[in-house]
Amino acid sequence: MNEIHLAIDKKEHELKILSKHRIDQLEALIKERDLLLSETLRKFELLRNDFDYNLSLIDARDVEIQRLEVLLSEEKNRSITLQTLKVQLHDELSVERSSTASLREELNCVKLEHKVIY
């Protein structure tokens, strides 16, 4: 009977050692997992900050693009207006030159008439 108690005690001691070893392994795995989780969360936070920063850059770029598109449109309209005014001015100048030439001819004719009369 004493041998049975010794065998039971020995098995209980072996089970305690095995249980302690298994508990130590599990605790080490938990620490490893916690470190990995902590590192992953740190990297995720850095990534989120980078993402937010890049998103703000994109938003600022989009606002600038919109502003420049408005300016470009205004410049195109100004250019069209200036081109139209240039054509009108050219046309008016042609009319004035033609009118001036006609007036010079009339003046020359009048001068000739005036010379002929006097």
C-alpha atoms as a PDB file:
ATOM      1  CA  MET A   1       0.000   0.000   0.000  1.00  0.00           C
ATOM      2  CA  ASN A   2       2.874   2.271   0.793  1.00  0.00           C
ATOM      3  CA  GLU A   3       4.284   1.626  -2.674  1.00  0.00           C
ATOM      4  CA  ILE A   4       1.013   2.679  -4.215  1.00  0.00           C
ATOM      5  CA  HIS A   5       1.102   5.952  -2.255  1.00  0.00           C
ATOM      6  CA  LEU A   6       4.709   6.490  -3.323  1.00  0.00           C
ATOM      7  CA  ALA A   7       3.793   5.795  -6.959  1.00  0.00           C
ATOM      8  CA  ILE A   8       0.799   8.160  -6.708  1.00  0.00           C
ATOM      9  CA  ASP A   9       2.961  10.854  -5.072  1.00  0.00           C
ATOM     10  CA  LYS A  10       5.596  10.364  -7.769  1.00  0.00           C
ATOM     11  CA  LYS A  11       2.962  10.670 -10.537  1.00  0.00           C
ATOM     12  CA  GLU A  12       1.443  13.739  -8.861  1.00  0.00           C
ATOM     13  CA  HIS A  13       4.918  15.303  -8.667  1.00  0.00           C
ATOM     14  CA  GLU A  14       5.502  14.504 -12.379  1.00  0.00           C
ATOM     15  CA  LEU A  15       2.113  15.993 -13.267  1.00  0.00           C
ATOM     16  CA  LYS A  16       2.928  19.147 -11.263  1.00  0.00           C
ATOM     17  CA  ILE A  17       6.251  19.465 -13.078  1.00  0.00           C
ATOM     18  CA  LEU A  18       4.540  18.918 -16.450  1.00  0.00           C
ATOM     19  CA  SER A  19       1.761  21.371 -15.537  1.00  0.00           C
ATOM     20  CA  LYS A  20       4.311  23.960 -14.363  1.00  0.00           C
ATOM     21  CA  HIS A  21       6.277  23.495 -17.584  1.00  0.00           C
ATOM     22  CA  ARG A  22       3.111  23.856 -19.678  1.00  0.00           C
ATOM     23  CA  ILE A  23       2.042  26.942 -17.698  1.00  0.00           C
ATOM     24  CA  ASP A  24       5.503  28.495 -18.223  1.00  0.00           C
ATOM     25  CA  GLN A  25       5.261  27.771 -21.961  1.00  0.00           C
ATOM     26  CA  LEU A  26       1.794  29.322 -22.156  1.00  0.00           C
ATOM     27  CA  GLU A  27       2.883  32.382 -20.178  1.00  0.00           C
ATOM     28  CA  ALA A  28       5.871  32.814 -22.509  1.00  0.00           C
ATOM     29  CA  LEU A  29       3.524  32.543 -25.515  1.00  0.00           C
ATOM     30  CA  ILE A  30       1.202  35.133 -23.946  1.00  0.00           C
ATOM     31  CA  LYS A  31       4.135  37.532 -23.387  1.00  0.00           C
ATOM     32  CA  GLU A  32       5.294  36.979 -26.958  1.00  0.00           C
ATOM     33  CA  ARG A  33       1.783  37.575 -28.259  1.00  0.00           C
ATOM     34  CA  ASP A  34       1.423  40.728 -26.127  1.00  0.00           C
ATOM     35  CA  LEU A  35       4.731  42.086 -27.463  1.00  0.00           C
ATOM     36  CA  LEU A  36       3.703  41.307 -31.015  1.00  0.00           C
ATOM     37  CA  LEU A  37       0.293  42.910 -30.458  1.00  0.00           C
ATOM     38  CA  SER A  38       1.888  45.989 -28.903  1.00  0.00           C
ATOM     39  CA  GLU A  39       4.343  46.322 -31.808  1.00  0.00           C
ATOM     40  CA  THR A  40       1.538  45.803 -34.330  1.00  0.00           C
ATOM     41  CA  LEU A  41      -0.591  48.480 -32.650  1.00  0.00           C
ATOM     42  CA  ARG A  42       2.383  50.884 -32.618  1.00  0.00           C
ATOM     43  CA  LYS A  43       2.985  50.275 -36.326  1.00  0.00           C
ATOM     44  CA  PHE A  44      -0.729  50.641 -37.021  1.00  0.00           C
ATOM     45  CA  GLU A  45      -0.784  54.002 -35.215  1.00  0.00           C
ATOM     46  CA  LEU A  46       2.217  55.192 -37.236  1.00  0.00           C
ATOM     47  CA  LEU A  47       0.518  54.026 -40.407  1.00  0.00           C
ATOM     48  CA  ARG A  48      -2.697  55.806 -39.421  1.00  0.00           C
ATOM     49  CA  ASN A  49      -0.764  59.015 -38.742  1.00  0.00           C
ATOM     50  CA  ASP A  50       0.992  58.727 -42.110  1.00  0.00           C
ATOM     51  CA  PHE A  51      -2.337  58.064 -43.794  1.00  0.00           C
ATOM     52  CA  ASP A  52      -3.974  61.079 -42.136  1.00  0.00           C
ATOM     53  CA  TYR A  53      -1.026  63.281 -43.111  1.00  0.00           C
ATOM     54  CA  ASN A  54      -1.097  62.055 -46.731  1.00  0.00           C
ATOM     55  CA  LEU A  55      -4.851  62.547 -46.839  1.00  0.00           C
ATOM     56  CA  SER A  56      -4.437  66.134 -45.648  1.00  0.00           C
ATOM     57  CA  LEU A  57      -1.832  66.689 -48.391  1.00  0.00           C
ATOM     58  CA  ILE A  58      -4.231  65.300 -50.987  1.00  0.00           C
ATOM     59  CA  ASP A  59      -7.045  67.515 -49.691  1.00  0.00           C
ATOM     60  CA  ALA A  60      -4.793  70.583 -49.830  1.00  0.00           C
ATOM     61  CA  ARG A  61      -3.659  69.610 -53.331  1.00  0.00           C
ATOM     62  CA  ASP A  62      -7.273  69.227 -54.468  1.00  0.00           C
ATOM     63  CA  VAL A  63      -8.145  72.673 -53.100  1.00  0.00           C
ATOM     64  CA  GLU A  64      -5.128  74.159 -54.905  1.00  0.00           C
ATOM     65  CA  ILE A  65      -6.061  72.374 -58.143  1.00  0.00           C
ATOM     66  CA  GLN A  66      -9.594  73.758 -57.905  1.00  0.00           C
ATOM     67  CA  ARG A  67      -8.241  77.272 -57.305  1.00  0.00           C
ATOM     68  CA  LEU A  68      -5.878  76.972 -60.270  1.00  0.00           C
ATOM     69  CA  GLU A  69      -8.642  75.619 -62.517  1.00  0.00           C
ATOM     70  CA  VAL A  70     -10.748  78.681 -61.683  1.00  0.00           C
ATOM     71  CA  LEU A  71      -7.803  80.974 -62.464  1.00  0.00           C
ATOM     72  CA  LEU A  72      -7.129  79.120 -65.706  1.00  0.00           C
ATOM     73  CA  SER A  73     -10.762  79.451 -66.737  1.00  0.00           C
ATOM     74  CA  GLU A  74     -10.694  83.169 -65.950  1.00  0.00           C
ATOM     75  CA  GLU A  75      -7.488  83.574 -67.965  1.00  0.00           C
ATOM     76  CA  LYS A  76      -9.002  81.709 -70.914  1.00  0.00           C
ATOM     77  CA  ASN A  77     -12.031  84.003 -70.805  1.00  0.00           C
ATOM     78  CA  ARG A  78      -9.744  87.056 -70.631  1.00  0.00           C
ATOM     79  CA  SER A  79      -7.722  85.742 -73.545  1.00  0.00           C
ATOM     80  CA  ILE A  80     -10.860  85.209 -75.621  1.00  0.00           C
ATOM     81  CA  THR A  81     -12.059  88.713 -74.733  1.00  0.00           C
ATOM     82  CA  LEU A  82      -8.688  90.214 -75.646  1.00  0.00           C
ATOM     83  CA  GLN A  83      -8.623  88.310 -78.929  1.00  0.00           C
ATOM     84  CA  THR A  84     -12.129  89.550 -79.731  1.00  0.00           C
ATOM     85  CA  LEU A  85     -11.135  93.122 -78.886  1.00  0.00           C
ATOM     86  CA  LYS A  86      -7.986  92.772 -80.988  1.00  0.00           C
ATOM     87  CA  VAL A  87     -10.051  91.660 -83.995  1.00  0.00           C
ATOM     88  CA  GLN A  88     -12.502  94.518 -83.443  1.00  0.00           C
ATOM     89  CA  LEU A  89      -9.654  96.996 -83.116  1.00  0.00           C
ATOM     90  CA  HIS A  90      -8.056  95.648 -86.287  1.00  0.00           C
ATOM     91  CA  ASP A  91     -11.360  95.963 -88.128  1.00  0.00           C
ATOM     92  CA  GLU A  92     -11.884  99.517 -86.847  1.00  0.00           C
ATOM     93  CA  LEU A  93      -8.323 100.422 -87.769  1.00  0.00           C
ATOM     94  CA  SER A  94      -8.897  99.089 -91.294  1.00  0.00           C
ATOM     95  CA  VAL A  95     -12.068 101.150 -91.563  1.00  0.00           C
ATOM     96  CA  GLU A  96     -10.230 104.245 -90.265  1.00  0.00           C
ATOM     97  CA  ARG A  97      -7.358 103.723 -92.698  1.00  0.00           C
ATOM     98  CA  SER A  98      -9.807 103.325 -95.549  1.00  0.00           C
ATOM     99  CA  SER A  99     -11.686 106.418 -94.410  1.00  0.00           C
ATOM    100  CA  THR A 100      -8.416 108.347 -94.045  1.00  0.00           C
ATOM    101  CA  ALA A 101      -7.337 107.288 -97.533  1.00  0.00           C
ATOM    102  CA  SER A 102     -10.692 108.419 -98.929  1.00  0.00           C
ATOM    103  CA  LEU A 103     -10.431 111.733 -97.109  1.00  0.00           C
ATOM    104  CA  ARG A 104      -6.889 112.247 -98.447  1.00  0.00           C
ATOM    105  CA  GLU A 105      -8.095 111.568-101.964  1.00  0.00           C
ATOM    106  CA  GLU A 106     -10.922 114.048-101.503  1.00  0.00           C
ATOM    107  CA  LEU A 107      -8.502 116.554-100.026  1.00  0.00           C
ATOM    108  CA  ASN A 108      -6.128 116.087-102.944  1.00  0.00           C
ATOM    109  CA  CYS A 109      -9.017 116.535-105.348  1.00  0.00           C
ATOM    110  CA  VAL A 110     -10.118 119.670-103.552  1.00  0.00           C
ATOM    111  CA  LYS A 111      -6.545 120.992-103.616  1.00  0.00           C
ATOM    112  CA  LEU A 112      -6.326 120.267-107.321  1.00  0.00           C
ATOM    113  CA  GLU A 113      -9.636 121.997-107.910  1.00  0.00           C
ATOM    114  CA  HIS A 114      -8.536 124.866-105.788  1.00  0.00           C
ATOM    115  CA  LYS A 115      -5.277 125.176-107.801  1.00  0.00           C
ATOM    116  CA  VAL A 116      -7.140 124.956-111.031  1.00  0.00           C
ATOM    117  CA  ILE A 117      -9.545 127.664-110.005  1.00  0.00           C
ATOM    118  CA  TYR A 118      -6.864 130.040-108.743  1.00  0.00           C
END
